Amino acid sequence: MLETPHVGIALLAGLLSFFSPCVLAVAPGYLGILTGSVTGQAVTKKRSLWVTLLFVLGFSVVFMLLGTAFSLVGQFMRTYRGILGRVLGAVVVFFGLHQMGLLKLGLLYWENRPLLQKKWVGPLKPLLTGMAFAFGWTPCVGPVLGSILALAGSTAQPLVGLGLLGIYSLGMAIPFFLLAVAMTGFRRFSAFFLRHARWVELISGILLVVMGLLLFFDLFSNLGYFLNRVFGGWSPEYWLK
């Protein structure tokens, strides 16, 4: 079952992943190429939204499959749940420290984009490009995505892992749709975030460290109970069961 902390953290992680410099800098160009606006074609809002929907669906499918896979691994290792939680928690804390720039691991700066160089054609081009985007930029958003995948693995429930990465994908999708609706205005908005990219990295790093500590000490359930009391018993898990 998805709990309130899981939902909030996954959604915020998706938003922060979009606003990471390596994604934010290329997102307008991606949609511009897919919609045809960069080649001078007249693009309607309907076409722009349809292309964006397919693109978002493409990377969401990949992320959700990864979430399910990690949850299956967690289910297989359910006997060692205590140890697994501590190991995953420590890994997430490391990701957070790396994101803040306190620790450096060159592997997490690596990007691989061979599929993105392929010239897709046909009506499914945005969908295939979205899938390629997920594979190509996974290392770029590695610390944040890896932490959400670790959280999915800790649940040891494939459906929860699927939902968790679906919410993460939604967090990334929302800015893409805003970009599709207001391309020019969003360019100015994204320029602001690029100038303050360091703050995005620090906020996401702190989020990951806190999440890692919650995983390490197995406190997610306690946090969920606290939030349920704060919100008067209402929480997303009641409609995500």
C-alpha atoms as a PDB file:
ATOM      1  CA  MET A   1       0.000   0.000   0.000  1.00  0.00           C
ATOM      2  CA  LEU A   2       1.299   3.457  -0.907  1.00  0.00           C
ATOM      3  CA  GLU A   3       1.671   5.609   2.196  1.00  0.00           C
ATOM      4  CA  THR A   4       1.467   9.384   2.441  1.00  0.00           C
ATOM      5  CA  PRO A   5       5.257   9.942   2.797  1.00  0.00           C
ATOM      6  CA  HIS A   6       5.895   7.730  -0.243  1.00  0.00           C
ATOM      7  CA  VAL A   7       3.457   9.712  -2.376  1.00  0.00           C
ATOM      8  CA  GLY A   8       4.803  13.124  -1.383  1.00  0.00           C
ATOM      9  CA  ILE A   9       8.464  12.191  -1.722  1.00  0.00           C
ATOM     10  CA  ALA A  10       7.991  10.486  -5.103  1.00  0.00           C
ATOM     11  CA  LEU A  11       6.079  13.467  -6.524  1.00  0.00           C
ATOM     12  CA  LEU A  12       8.639  15.975  -5.237  1.00  0.00           C
ATOM     13  CA  ALA A  13      11.493  13.797  -6.509  1.00  0.00           C
ATOM     14  CA  GLY A  14       9.971  13.799  -9.984  1.00  0.00           C
ATOM     15  CA  LEU A  15       9.711  17.595  -9.974  1.00  0.00           C
ATOM     16  CA  LEU A  16      13.297  17.957  -8.778  1.00  0.00           C
ATOM     17  CA  SER A  17      14.484  15.539 -11.459  1.00  0.00           C
ATOM     18  CA  PHE A  18      12.943  17.723 -14.155  1.00  0.00           C
ATOM     19  CA  PHE A  19      14.586  20.830 -12.721  1.00  0.00           C
ATOM     20  CA  SER A  20      18.020  19.206 -12.620  1.00  0.00           C
ATOM     21  CA  PRO A  21      20.276  21.179 -14.997  1.00  0.00           C
ATOM     22  CA  CYS A  22      20.865  18.339 -17.465  1.00  0.00           C
ATOM     23  CA  VAL A  23      17.115  17.778 -18.037  1.00  0.00           C
ATOM     24  CA  LEU A  24      15.909  21.370 -17.769  1.00  0.00           C
ATOM     25  CA  ALA A  25      18.467  22.645 -20.278  1.00  0.00           C
ATOM     26  CA  VAL A  26      17.317  20.291 -23.052  1.00  0.00           C
ATOM     27  CA  ALA A  27      13.582  19.882 -22.329  1.00  0.00           C
ATOM     28  CA  PRO A  28      12.413  22.864 -24.466  1.00  0.00           C
ATOM     29  CA  GLY A  29      14.545  21.671 -27.380  1.00  0.00           C
ATOM     30  CA  TYR A  30      13.162  18.148 -27.095  1.00  0.00           C
ATOM     31  CA  LEU A  31       9.549  19.239 -27.278  1.00  0.00           C
ATOM     32  CA  GLY A  32      10.395  21.771 -29.959  1.00  0.00           C
ATOM     33  CA  ILE A  33      11.849  19.052 -32.178  1.00  0.00           C
ATOM     34  CA  LEU A  34       9.005  16.616 -31.499  1.00  0.00           C
ATOM     35  CA  THR A  35       6.261  19.143 -32.196  1.00  0.00           C
ATOM     36  CA  GLY A  36       8.087  20.628 -35.178  1.00  0.00           C
ATOM     37  CA  SER A  37       8.134  24.162 -33.789  1.00  0.00           C
ATOM     38  CA  VAL A  38      11.917  24.464 -34.153  1.00  0.00           C
ATOM     39  CA  THR A  39      11.611  23.822 -37.894  1.00  0.00           C
ATOM     40  CA  GLY A  40       9.123  26.632 -38.323  1.00  0.00           C
ATOM     41  CA  GLN A  41       5.998  24.449 -38.549  1.00  0.00           C
ATOM     42  CA  ALA A  42       2.727  25.867 -37.246  1.00  0.00           C
ATOM     43  CA  VAL A  43       1.958  23.940 -34.055  1.00  0.00           C
ATOM     44  CA  THR A  44      -1.475  23.907 -32.429  1.00  0.00           C
ATOM     45  CA  LYS A  45      -1.951  23.511 -28.699  1.00  0.00           C
ATOM     46  CA  LYS A  46      -3.793  20.243 -29.370  1.00  0.00           C
ATOM     47  CA  ARG A  47      -0.834  18.782 -31.275  1.00  0.00           C
ATOM     48  CA  SER A  48       1.638  20.041 -28.701  1.00  0.00           C
ATOM     49  CA  LEU A  49      -0.297  18.411 -25.851  1.00  0.00           C
ATOM     50  CA  TRP A  50      -0.762  15.152 -27.775  1.00  0.00           C
ATOM     51  CA  VAL A  51       2.973  14.920 -28.546  1.00  0.00           C
ATOM     52  CA  THR A  52       3.820  15.705 -24.926  1.00  0.00           C
ATOM     53  CA  LEU A  53       1.385  13.049 -23.688  1.00  0.00           C
ATOM     54  CA  LEU A  54       3.061  10.372 -25.823  1.00  0.00           C
ATOM     55  CA  PHE A  55       6.527  11.538 -24.785  1.00  0.00           C
ATOM     56  CA  VAL A  56       5.569  11.456 -21.085  1.00  0.00           C
ATOM     57  CA  LEU A  57       3.951   8.037 -21.503  1.00  0.00           C
ATOM     58  CA  GLY A  58       7.200   6.751 -23.013  1.00  0.00           C
ATOM     59  CA  PHE A  59       9.457   7.628 -20.098  1.00  0.00           C
ATOM     60  CA  SER A  60       6.737   6.725 -17.554  1.00  0.00           C
ATOM     61  CA  VAL A  61       6.524   3.156 -18.882  1.00  0.00           C
ATOM     62  CA  VAL A  62      10.284   2.703 -18.483  1.00  0.00           C
ATOM     63  CA  PHE A  63      10.397   4.157 -14.968  1.00  0.00           C
ATOM     64  CA  MET A  64       7.358   2.167 -13.809  1.00  0.00           C
ATOM     65  CA  LEU A  65       8.856  -1.077 -15.128  1.00  0.00           C
ATOM     66  CA  LEU A  66      12.066  -0.285 -13.239  1.00  0.00           C
ATOM     67  CA  GLY A  67      10.043   0.353 -10.078  1.00  0.00           C
ATOM     68  CA  THR A  68       8.246  -2.980 -10.448  1.00  0.00           C
ATOM     69  CA  ALA A  69      11.546  -4.784 -11.024  1.00  0.00           C
ATOM     70  CA  PHE A  70      13.145  -3.285  -7.916  1.00  0.00           C
ATOM     71  CA  SER A  71      10.075  -4.183  -5.846  1.00  0.00           C
ATOM     72  CA  LEU A  72      10.264  -7.770  -7.086  1.00  0.00           C
ATOM     73  CA  VAL A  73      13.893  -7.932  -5.983  1.00  0.00           C
ATOM     74  CA  GLY A  74      12.837  -6.556  -2.605  1.00  0.00           C
ATOM     75  CA  GLN A  75      10.085  -9.168  -2.389  1.00  0.00           C
ATOM     76  CA  PHE A  76      12.613 -11.907  -3.166  1.00  0.00           C
ATOM     77  CA  MET A  77      14.807 -10.638  -0.311  1.00  0.00           C
ATOM     78  CA  ARG A  78      11.899 -10.087   2.076  1.00  0.00           C
ATOM     79  CA  THR A  79      13.497 -12.458   4.630  1.00  0.00           C
ATOM     80  CA  TYR A  80      16.321  -9.954   5.005  1.00  0.00           C
ATOM     81  CA  ARG A  81      14.033  -6.912   5.095  1.00  0.00           C
ATOM     82  CA  GLY A  82      15.782  -5.332   8.100  1.00  0.00           C
ATOM     83  CA  ILE A  83      19.230  -5.605   6.562  1.00  0.00           C
ATOM     84  CA  LEU A  84      17.932  -4.560   3.131  1.00  0.00           C
ATOM     85  CA  GLY A  85      16.332  -1.431   4.592  1.00  0.00           C
ATOM     86  CA  ARG A  86      19.586  -0.401   6.252  1.00  0.00           C
ATOM     87  CA  VAL A  87      21.652  -1.042   3.133  1.00  0.00           C
ATOM     88  CA  LEU A  88      19.219   0.863   0.902  1.00  0.00           C
ATOM     89  CA  GLY A  89      18.978   3.667   3.453  1.00  0.00           C
ATOM     90  CA  ALA A  90      22.761   4.039   3.536  1.00  0.00           C
ATOM     91  CA  VAL A  91      22.859   4.074  -0.281  1.00  0.00           C
ATOM     92  CA  VAL A  92      20.209   6.796  -0.427  1.00  0.00           C
ATOM     93  CA  VAL A  93      22.099   8.897   2.150  1.00  0.00           C
ATOM     94  CA  PHE A  94      25.193   8.540  -0.046  1.00  0.00           C
ATOM     95  CA  PHE A  95      23.161   9.670  -3.076  1.00  0.00           C
ATOM     96  CA  GLY A  96      22.000  12.689  -1.087  1.00  0.00           C
ATOM     97  CA  LEU A  97      25.521  13.674  -0.067  1.00  0.00           C
ATOM     98  CA  HIS A  98      26.618  13.258  -3.686  1.00  0.00           C
ATOM     99  CA  GLN A  99      23.733  15.443  -4.870  1.00  0.00           C
ATOM    100  CA  MET A 100      24.788  18.171  -2.444  1.00  0.00           C
ATOM    101  CA  GLY A 101      28.367  17.973  -3.724  1.00  0.00           C
ATOM    102  CA  LEU A 102      29.806  16.682  -0.441  1.00  0.00           C
ATOM    103  CA  LEU A 103      30.820  13.377  -2.014  1.00  0.00           C
ATOM    104  CA  LYS A 104      31.737  12.807  -5.631  1.00  0.00           C
ATOM    105  CA  LEU A 105      31.374   9.651  -7.706  1.00  0.00           C
ATOM    106  CA  GLY A 106      32.252  10.030 -11.382  1.00  0.00           C
ATOM    107  CA  LEU A 107      29.928   7.200 -12.421  1.00  0.00           C
ATOM    108  CA  LEU A 108      26.908   9.304 -11.417  1.00  0.00           C
ATOM    109  CA  TYR A 109      27.898  12.023 -13.867  1.00  0.00           C
ATOM    110  CA  TRP A 110      27.939   9.627 -16.809  1.00  0.00           C
ATOM    111  CA  GLU A 111      25.296   9.971 -19.501  1.00  0.00           C
ATOM    112  CA  ASN A 112      24.464   7.533 -22.263  1.00  0.00           C
ATOM    113  CA  ARG A 113      22.265   8.673 -25.120  1.00  0.00           C
ATOM    114  CA  PRO A 114      22.721   6.368 -28.141  1.00  0.00           C
ATOM    115  CA  LEU A 115      18.966   5.847 -28.522  1.00  0.00           C
ATOM    116  CA  LEU A 116      18.392   9.599 -28.457  1.00  0.00           C
ATOM    117  CA  GLN A 117      20.580   9.987 -31.539  1.00  0.00           C
ATOM    118  CA  LYS A 118      18.330   7.685 -33.540  1.00  0.00           C
ATOM    119  CA  LYS A 119      15.963   9.436 -35.949  1.00  0.00           C
ATOM    120  CA  TRP A 120      12.567   8.012 -35.025  1.00  0.00           C
ATOM    121  CA  VAL A 121       9.829   8.411 -37.605  1.00  0.00           C
ATOM    122  CA  GLY A 122       6.075   7.848 -37.666  1.00  0.00           C
ATOM    123  CA  PRO A 123       3.210   8.629 -35.285  1.00  0.00           C
ATOM    124  CA  LEU A 124       4.907   6.782 -32.399  1.00  0.00           C
ATOM    125  CA  LYS A 125       8.017   8.955 -32.595  1.00  0.00           C
ATOM    126  CA  PRO A 126       7.204  10.899 -29.364  1.00  0.00           C
ATOM    127  CA  LEU A 127       6.504   7.653 -27.465  1.00  0.00           C
ATOM    128  CA  LEU A 128       9.770   6.015 -28.581  1.00  0.00           C
ATOM    129  CA  THR A 129      11.697   9.220 -27.909  1.00  0.00           C
ATOM    130  CA  GLY A 130      10.244   9.342 -24.392  1.00  0.00           C
ATOM    131  CA  MET A 131      11.443   5.795 -23.746  1.00  0.00           C
ATOM    132  CA  ALA A 132      14.867   6.678 -25.124  1.00  0.00           C
ATOM    133  CA  PHE A 133      14.865   9.772 -22.906  1.00  0.00           C
ATOM    134  CA  ALA A 134      14.312   7.579 -19.817  1.00  0.00           C
ATOM    135  CA  PHE A 135      17.195   5.260 -20.690  1.00  0.00           C
ATOM    136  CA  GLY A 136      19.526   8.036 -21.819  1.00  0.00           C
ATOM    137  CA  TRP A 137      19.043  10.389 -18.904  1.00  0.00           C
ATOM    138  CA  THR A 138      18.766   7.789 -16.130  1.00  0.00           C
ATOM    139  CA  PRO A 139      22.429   8.375 -15.124  1.00  0.00           C
ATOM    140  CA  CYS A 140      21.855  12.150 -15.198  1.00  0.00           C
ATOM    141  CA  VAL A 141      19.038  11.988 -12.633  1.00  0.00           C
ATOM    142  CA  GLY A 142      20.627   8.902 -11.066  1.00  0.00           C
ATOM    143  CA  PRO A 143      20.826   9.995  -7.404  1.00  0.00           C
ATOM    144  CA  VAL A 144      17.151  11.034  -7.222  1.00  0.00           C
ATOM    145  CA  LEU A 145      15.785   8.225  -9.398  1.00  0.00           C
ATOM    146  CA  GLY A 146      18.017   5.670  -7.681  1.00  0.00           C
ATOM    147  CA  SER A 147      16.684   6.748  -4.309  1.00  0.00           C
ATOM    148  CA  ILE A 148      13.055   6.338  -5.413  1.00  0.00           C
ATOM    149  CA  LEU A 149      13.918   2.916  -6.843  1.00  0.00           C
ATOM    150  CA  ALA A 150      15.525   2.025  -3.506  1.00  0.00           C
ATOM    151  CA  LEU A 151      12.322   3.108  -1.774  1.00  0.00           C
ATOM    152  CA  ALA A 152      10.354   0.899  -4.189  1.00  0.00           C
ATOM    153  CA  GLY A 153      12.645  -2.023  -3.409  1.00  0.00           C
ATOM    154  CA  SER A 154      12.197  -1.517   0.316  1.00  0.00           C
ATOM    155  CA  THR A 155       8.412  -1.922   0.016  1.00  0.00           C
ATOM    156  CA  ALA A 156       8.809  -5.416  -1.502  1.00  0.00           C
ATOM    157  CA  GLN A 157       5.407  -4.925  -3.191  1.00  0.00           C
ATOM    158  CA  PRO A 158       5.441  -4.827  -7.021  1.00  0.00           C
ATOM    159  CA  LEU A 159       2.174  -2.858  -7.279  1.00  0.00           C
ATOM    160  CA  VAL A 160       3.476  -0.284  -4.803  1.00  0.00           C
ATOM    161  CA  GLY A 161       6.715  -0.019  -6.771  1.00  0.00           C
ATOM    162  CA  LEU A 162       4.689   0.465  -9.940  1.00  0.00           C
ATOM    163  CA  GLY A 163       2.588   3.200  -8.316  1.00  0.00           C
ATOM    164  CA  LEU A 164       5.584   4.861  -6.701  1.00  0.00           C
ATOM    165  CA  LEU A 165       7.416   5.273 -10.003  1.00  0.00           C
ATOM    166  CA  GLY A 166       4.138   6.307 -11.627  1.00  0.00           C
ATOM    167  CA  ILE A 167       3.912   9.194  -9.156  1.00  0.00           C
ATOM    168  CA  TYR A 168       7.590  10.012  -9.750  1.00  0.00           C
ATOM    169  CA  SER A 169       6.850  10.114 -13.494  1.00  0.00           C
ATOM    170  CA  LEU A 170       3.871  12.385 -12.822  1.00  0.00           C
ATOM    171  CA  GLY A 171       6.193  14.771 -11.010  1.00  0.00           C
ATOM    172  CA  MET A 172       8.390  14.927 -14.117  1.00  0.00           C
ATOM    173  CA  ALA A 173       5.385  15.095 -16.450  1.00  0.00           C
ATOM    174  CA  ILE A 174       3.696  18.161 -14.941  1.00  0.00           C
ATOM    175  CA  PRO A 175       6.466  20.614 -15.981  1.00  0.00           C
ATOM    176  CA  PHE A 176       6.591  19.021 -19.450  1.00  0.00           C
ATOM    177  CA  PHE A 177       2.884  19.775 -19.934  1.00  0.00           C
ATOM    178  CA  LEU A 178       3.358  23.325 -18.655  1.00  0.00           C
ATOM    179  CA  LEU A 179       6.190  23.669 -21.136  1.00  0.00           C
ATOM    180  CA  ALA A 180       3.959  22.404 -23.959  1.00  0.00           C
ATOM    181  CA  VAL A 181       1.239  24.927 -23.103  1.00  0.00           C
ATOM    182  CA  ALA A 182       3.498  27.959 -22.704  1.00  0.00           C
ATOM    183  CA  MET A 183       6.813  27.301 -24.436  1.00  0.00           C
ATOM    184  CA  THR A 184       8.031  30.918 -24.523  1.00  0.00           C
ATOM    185  CA  GLY A 185       7.046  31.744 -20.954  1.00  0.00           C
ATOM    186  CA  PHE A 186       8.499  28.500 -19.662  1.00  0.00           C
ATOM    187  CA  ARG A 187      11.866  29.253 -21.257  1.00  0.00           C
ATOM    188  CA  ARG A 188      12.159  32.330 -19.047  1.00  0.00           C
ATOM    189  CA  PHE A 189      10.988  30.330 -16.046  1.00  0.00           C
ATOM    190  CA  SER A 190      13.535  27.555 -16.722  1.00  0.00           C
ATOM    191  CA  ALA A 191      16.302  30.123 -17.186  1.00  0.00           C
ATOM    192  CA  PHE A 192      15.651  31.251 -13.602  1.00  0.00           C
ATOM    193  CA  PHE A 193      16.060  27.686 -12.314  1.00  0.00           C
ATOM    194  CA  LEU A 194      19.221  27.156 -14.347  1.00  0.00           C
ATOM    195  CA  ARG A 195      20.719  30.243 -12.718  1.00  0.00           C
ATOM    196  CA  HIS A 196      19.851  28.759  -9.315  1.00  0.00           C
ATOM    197  CA  ALA A 197      20.644  25.120 -10.145  1.00  0.00           C
ATOM    198  CA  ARG A 198      22.812  24.836  -7.049  1.00  0.00           C
ATOM    199  CA  TRP A 199      19.788  25.395  -4.815  1.00  0.00           C
ATOM    200  CA  VAL A 200      17.877  22.649  -6.636  1.00  0.00           C
ATOM    201  CA  GLU A 201      20.775  20.267  -6.036  1.00  0.00           C
ATOM    202  CA  LEU A 202      20.966  21.199  -2.338  1.00  0.00           C
ATOM    203  CA  ILE A 203      17.216  20.803  -1.772  1.00  0.00           C
ATOM    204  CA  SER A 204      17.102  17.452  -3.563  1.00  0.00           C
ATOM    205  CA  GLY A 205      20.215  16.303  -1.666  1.00  0.00           C
ATOM    206  CA  ILE A 206      18.663  17.168   1.703  1.00  0.00           C
ATOM    207  CA  LEU A 207      15.474  15.366   0.674  1.00  0.00           C
ATOM    208  CA  LEU A 208      17.473  12.242  -0.189  1.00  0.00           C
ATOM    209  CA  VAL A 209      19.435  12.281   3.073  1.00  0.00           C
ATOM    210  CA  VAL A 210      16.212  12.550   5.094  1.00  0.00           C
ATOM    211  CA  MET A 211      14.629   9.770   3.036  1.00  0.00           C
ATOM    212  CA  GLY A 212      17.712   7.587   3.500  1.00  0.00           C
ATOM    213  CA  LEU A 213      17.630   8.047   7.270  1.00  0.00           C
ATOM    214  CA  LEU A 214      13.919   7.172   7.350  1.00  0.00           C
ATOM    215  CA  LEU A 215      14.682   4.007   5.377  1.00  0.00           C
ATOM    216  CA  PHE A 216      17.683   3.116   7.536  1.00  0.00           C
ATOM    217  CA  PHE A 217      15.747   3.444  10.798  1.00  0.00           C
ATOM    218  CA  ASP A 218      12.486   2.042   9.320  1.00  0.00           C
ATOM    219  CA  LEU A 219      10.517   5.164  10.246  1.00  0.00           C
ATOM    220  CA  PHE A 220       8.366   5.605   7.139  1.00  0.00           C
ATOM    221  CA  SER A 221       5.357   3.971   8.822  1.00  0.00           C
ATOM    222  CA  ASN A 222       5.701   6.218  11.874  1.00  0.00           C
ATOM    223  CA  LEU A 223       5.852   9.257   9.626  1.00  0.00           C
ATOM    224  CA  GLY A 224       2.732   8.035   7.837  1.00  0.00           C
ATOM    225  CA  TYR A 225       0.809   7.706  11.108  1.00  0.00           C
ATOM    226  CA  PHE A 226       1.902  11.215  12.113  1.00  0.00           C
ATOM    227  CA  LEU A 227       0.779  12.734   8.806  1.00  0.00           C
ATOM    228  CA  ASN A 228      -2.555  10.917   8.999  1.00  0.00           C
ATOM    229  CA  ARG A 229      -3.184  12.527  12.379  1.00  0.00           C
ATOM    230  CA  VAL A 230      -2.140  15.941  11.057  1.00  0.00           C
ATOM    231  CA  PHE A 231      -4.568  15.642   8.116  1.00  0.00           C
ATOM    232  CA  GLY A 232      -7.395  14.359  10.283  1.00  0.00           C
ATOM    233  CA  GLY A 233      -7.253  10.778   9.061  1.00  0.00           C
ATOM    234  CA  TRP A 234      -7.300  11.677   5.349  1.00  0.00           C
ATOM    235  CA  SER A 235      -4.338  10.589   3.280  1.00  0.00           C
ATOM    236  CA  PRO A 236      -3.649   9.335  -0.249  1.00  0.00           C
ATOM    237  CA  GLU A 237      -3.326   5.712   0.819  1.00  0.00           C
ATOM    238  CA  TYR A 238      -7.084   5.477   1.316  1.00  0.00           C
ATOM    239  CA  TRP A 239      -7.688   5.968  -2.415  1.00  0.00           C
ATOM    240  CA  LEU A 240      -4.477   4.225  -3.517  1.00  0.00           C
ATOM    241  CA  LYS A 241      -5.240   0.906  -1.816  1.00  0.00           C
END
